[in-house]
């Protein structure tokens, strides 16, 4: 697998570029819901609908979370976009023994209280119009083996043009207890959250 390193020049540039690109390409970004911080490491689980997803979560990080961000990427994509390796990106390779190494690396990152780790358990970009989110294997192992005080934040993102020439982005957040997630099915819990967010979003579009 490809591990990450926050470069002292590239990472601050990436944070600035995030703000610049979002301001240039979107009319507005609206955050709905609250992040309740217990001071521990944070695992963010989000839907995966576009190239912009990581930038939207980094925007949330800069606005309300304030942690050093890490994110898992498919290895072929990380090799193609090599610069993400120096902004927190690390790799996972499907159908490979390296998956175990990537999962263990994620668990190690989540032992540091200063870190936020972003994961897209869908494994690949899917249409925003899907209302059932299917998770790849691996997320349950991370939930099982991480510290019981780990923070978990569900995120759902929906771009809408409405009456504007550039899209608006509506982001929904919800905190979850890792202990409750261990007792239930994380995919089912995320789908309940996602459909609640989707219904709220539909009411904005009427």
Protein backbone atom coordinates (compact mmCIF):
# COMPACT_ATOMS: atom_id res chain seq x y z
CA UNK A 1 0.00 0.00 0.00
CA UNK A 2 0.97 3.67 -0.34
CA UNK A 3 1.20 5.49 2.97
CA UNK A 4 0.76 9.22 3.36
CA UNK A 5 2.84 12.12 4.60
CA UNK A 6 1.60 15.67 5.09
CA UNK A 7 4.10 17.76 3.14
CA UNK A 8 4.95 21.07 4.81
CA UNK A 9 4.26 22.98 1.57
CA UNK A 10 1.79 20.83 -0.37
CA UNK A 11 -0.64 20.25 2.54
CA UNK A 12 -1.15 23.96 3.42
CA UNK A 13 -1.46 24.66 -0.31
CA UNK A 14 -4.12 21.95 -0.58
CA UNK A 15 -6.09 23.52 2.27
CA UNK A 16 -5.95 26.92 0.57
CA UNK A 17 -6.81 25.36 -2.81
CA UNK A 18 -9.87 23.71 -1.26
CA UNK A 19 -11.27 27.08 -0.23
CA UNK A 20 -10.40 28.64 -3.59
CA UNK A 21 -11.88 25.88 -5.75
CA UNK A 22 -15.09 25.63 -3.76
CA UNK A 23 -15.63 29.38 -3.84
CA UNK A 24 -14.99 29.43 -7.59
CA UNK A 25 -17.14 26.43 -8.56
CA UNK A 26 -20.12 26.54 -6.17
CA UNK A 27 -22.71 29.16 -5.31
CA UNK A 28 -22.90 28.11 -1.67
CA UNK A 29 -22.09 25.31 0.75
CA UNK A 30 -24.58 24.70 3.54
CA UNK A 31 -23.77 22.54 6.58
CA UNK A 32 -26.82 21.05 8.31
CA UNK A 33 -26.43 19.37 11.70
CA UNK A 34 -23.87 19.66 14.46
CA UNK A 35 -20.52 18.08 15.21
CA UNK A 36 -20.21 17.37 18.94
CA UNK A 37 -16.50 17.11 19.70
CA UNK A 38 -15.24 14.92 22.55
CA UNK A 39 -11.60 15.68 21.72
CA UNK A 40 -10.85 12.21 20.38
CA UNK A 41 -9.94 11.02 16.87
CA UNK A 42 -12.73 11.17 14.31
CA UNK A 43 -13.85 8.72 11.63
CA UNK A 44 -15.97 10.35 8.91
CA UNK A 45 -18.16 8.14 6.73
CA UNK A 46 -19.61 9.79 3.63
CA UNK A 47 -21.46 8.97 0.44
CA UNK A 48 -19.27 9.02 -2.68
CA UNK A 49 -20.89 10.83 -5.62
CA UNK A 50 -18.18 12.91 -7.28
CA UNK A 51 -14.57 14.03 -7.51
CA UNK A 52 -15.48 16.87 -5.12
CA UNK A 53 -16.40 14.71 -2.11
CA UNK A 54 -13.03 14.94 -0.35
CA UNK A 55 -12.93 18.71 -0.86
CA UNK A 56 -16.36 19.07 0.73
CA UNK A 57 -15.26 17.12 3.81
CA UNK A 58 -12.04 19.13 4.02
CA UNK A 59 -14.27 22.24 3.97
CA UNK A 60 -16.18 20.82 6.96
CA UNK A 61 -12.87 20.08 8.64
CA UNK A 62 -11.66 23.65 8.23
CA UNK A 63 -14.96 25.15 9.34
CA UNK A 64 -15.92 23.11 12.39
CA UNK A 65 -13.65 20.09 13.09
CA UNK A 66 -10.06 21.41 12.92
CA UNK A 67 -8.05 18.18 12.69
CA UNK A 68 -5.27 16.83 10.47
CA UNK A 69 -7.12 15.04 7.68
CA UNK A 70 -6.41 11.62 6.19
CA UNK A 71 -8.42 9.84 3.50
CA UNK A 72 -8.41 6.43 1.84
CA UNK A 73 -8.18 6.24 -1.97
CA UNK A 74 -8.07 3.44 -4.50
CA UNK A 75 -4.42 2.74 -5.25
CA UNK A 76 -4.67 3.33 -9.00
CA UNK A 77 -6.30 6.71 -8.39
CA UNK A 78 -3.66 7.71 -5.84
CA UNK A 79 -0.91 6.80 -8.30
CA UNK A 80 -2.65 8.92 -10.94
CA UNK A 81 -3.16 11.85 -8.57
CA UNK A 82 0.15 11.41 -6.69
CA UNK A 83 -0.02 14.81 -4.96
CA UNK A 84 -2.83 13.56 -2.70
CA UNK A 85 -0.24 11.34 -1.01
CA UNK A 86 1.21 14.53 0.49
CA UNK A 87 -2.15 15.89 1.67
CA UNK A 88 -3.34 12.88 3.70
CA UNK A 89 -4.23 10.37 1.00
CA UNK A 90 -3.28 6.70 1.42
CA UNK A 91 -4.16 3.70 -0.69
CA UNK A 92 -6.29 0.62 -0.67
CA UNK A 93 -6.15 -2.03 -3.39
CA UNK A 94 -9.26 -4.12 -3.90
CA UNK A 95 -9.03 -7.91 -4.11
CA UNK A 96 -5.52 -7.85 -2.68
CA UNK A 97 -3.81 -8.87 0.56
CA UNK A 98 -2.87 -5.20 0.91
CA UNK A 99 -6.44 -4.53 2.09
CA UNK A 100 -5.51 -5.83 5.55
CA UNK A 101 -2.52 -3.49 5.68
CA UNK A 102 -4.72 -0.53 4.66
CA UNK A 103 -7.28 -1.38 7.35
CA UNK A 104 -4.59 -1.71 10.02
CA UNK A 105 -3.06 1.58 8.89
CA UNK A 106 -6.45 3.26 9.28
CA UNK A 107 -6.81 1.87 12.80
CA UNK A 108 -3.35 3.23 13.69
CA UNK A 109 -4.25 6.68 12.37
CA UNK A 110 -7.37 6.68 14.53
CA UNK A 111 -5.29 6.21 17.68
CA UNK A 112 -4.07 9.82 17.39
CA UNK A 113 -6.62 12.25 18.82
CA UNK A 114 -5.52 14.98 16.41
CA UNK A 115 -6.58 13.03 13.33
CA UNK A 116 -9.67 12.85 11.16
CA UNK A 117 -9.94 9.91 8.76
CA UNK A 118 -12.38 10.09 5.86
CA UNK A 119 -13.72 6.90 4.29
CA UNK A 120 -16.10 6.22 1.43
CA UNK A 121 -17.27 2.67 2.22
CA UNK A 122 -19.11 2.45 -1.11
CA UNK A 123 -15.66 1.88 -2.59
CA UNK A 124 -16.29 3.86 -5.76
CA UNK A 125 -18.27 6.81 -7.08
CA UNK A 126 -22.00 6.12 -7.36
CA UNK A 127 -24.92 8.22 -8.59
CA UNK A 128 -26.36 10.71 -6.11
CA UNK A 129 -29.80 9.37 -7.10
CA UNK A 130 -29.17 6.01 -5.42
CA UNK A 131 -31.13 5.91 -2.19
CA UNK A 132 -29.59 2.63 -1.00
CA UNK A 133 -25.92 2.79 -0.05
CA UNK A 134 -23.97 -0.49 -0.14
CA UNK A 135 -20.71 -0.73 1.82
CA UNK A 136 -17.63 -2.70 0.86
CA UNK A 137 -16.06 -5.02 3.44
CA UNK A 138 -13.53 -3.50 5.83
CA UNK A 139 -15.44 -0.76 7.64
CA UNK A 140 -16.83 -3.24 10.18
CA UNK A 141 -13.31 -4.39 11.08
CA UNK A 142 -12.26 -0.77 11.68
CA UNK A 143 -15.30 -0.08 13.86
CA UNK A 144 -14.70 -3.31 15.81
CA UNK A 145 -11.00 -2.71 16.52
CA UNK A 146 -10.88 1.02 17.21
CA UNK A 147 -10.99 2.70 20.60
CA UNK A 148 -14.46 2.79 22.24
CA UNK A 149 -14.20 6.59 22.57
CA UNK A 150 -13.60 7.12 18.85
CA UNK A 151 -15.89 9.74 17.36
CA UNK A 152 -17.91 8.73 14.28
CA UNK A 153 -19.55 11.28 12.01
CA UNK A 154 -21.93 10.37 9.19
CA UNK A 155 -21.93 12.80 6.26
CA UNK A 156 -24.27 13.03 3.26
CA UNK A 157 -23.65 15.53 0.43
CA UNK A 158 -26.16 16.70 -2.16
CA UNK A 159 -25.37 19.20 -4.94
CA UNK A 160 -28.34 21.18 -6.28
CA UNK A 161 -28.45 23.90 -8.93
CA UNK A 162 -31.89 25.24 -8.00
CA UNK A 163 -32.09 28.70 -9.61
CA UNK A 164 -28.34 29.37 -9.65
CA UNK A 165 -25.87 28.98 -12.54
CA UNK A 166 -23.45 27.15 -10.24
CA UNK A 167 -24.51 24.33 -7.92
CA UNK A 168 -25.22 24.71 -4.23
CA UNK A 169 -23.95 21.97 -1.93
CA UNK A 170 -26.03 20.80 1.03
CA UNK A 171 -24.11 18.75 3.60
CA UNK A 172 -25.81 16.83 6.40
CA UNK A 173 -24.01 15.67 9.56
CA UNK A 174 -24.86 13.31 12.41
CA UNK A 175 -22.74 12.08 15.32
CA UNK A 176 -22.80 8.39 16.21
CA UNK A 177 -21.59 6.37 19.15
CA UNK A 178 -19.12 3.70 18.12
CA UNK A 179 -20.51 1.42 20.84
CA UNK A 180 -23.99 1.62 19.28
CA UNK A 181 -22.56 0.98 15.82
CA UNK A 182 -20.82 -2.14 17.12
CA UNK A 183 -24.16 -3.47 18.34
CA UNK A 184 -25.96 -2.78 15.06
CA UNK A 185 -25.23 -2.86 11.33
CA UNK A 186 -23.27 0.19 10.24
CA UNK A 187 -24.54 -0.02 6.66
CA UNK A 188 -28.14 -0.06 7.87
CA UNK A 189 -27.51 2.81 10.28
CA UNK A 190 -25.92 4.88 7.53
CA UNK A 191 -28.83 4.20 5.18
CA UNK A 192 -31.31 5.37 7.82
CA UNK A 193 -29.32 8.58 8.23
CA UNK A 194 -28.88 9.02 4.46
CA UNK A 195 -32.58 8.68 3.71
CA UNK A 196 -33.47 11.12 6.49
CA UNK A 197 -31.03 13.59 4.95
CA UNK A 198 -32.38 12.88 1.46
CA UNK A 199 -35.94 13.58 2.57
CA UNK A 200 -34.87 16.86 4.16
CA UNK A 201 -33.05 17.75 0.95
CA UNK A 202 -36.12 16.98 -1.17
CA UNK A 203 -38.14 19.43 0.93
CA UNK A 204 -35.61 22.16 0.06
CA UNK A 205 -36.01 21.45 -3.65
CA UNK A 206 -39.79 21.71 -3.79
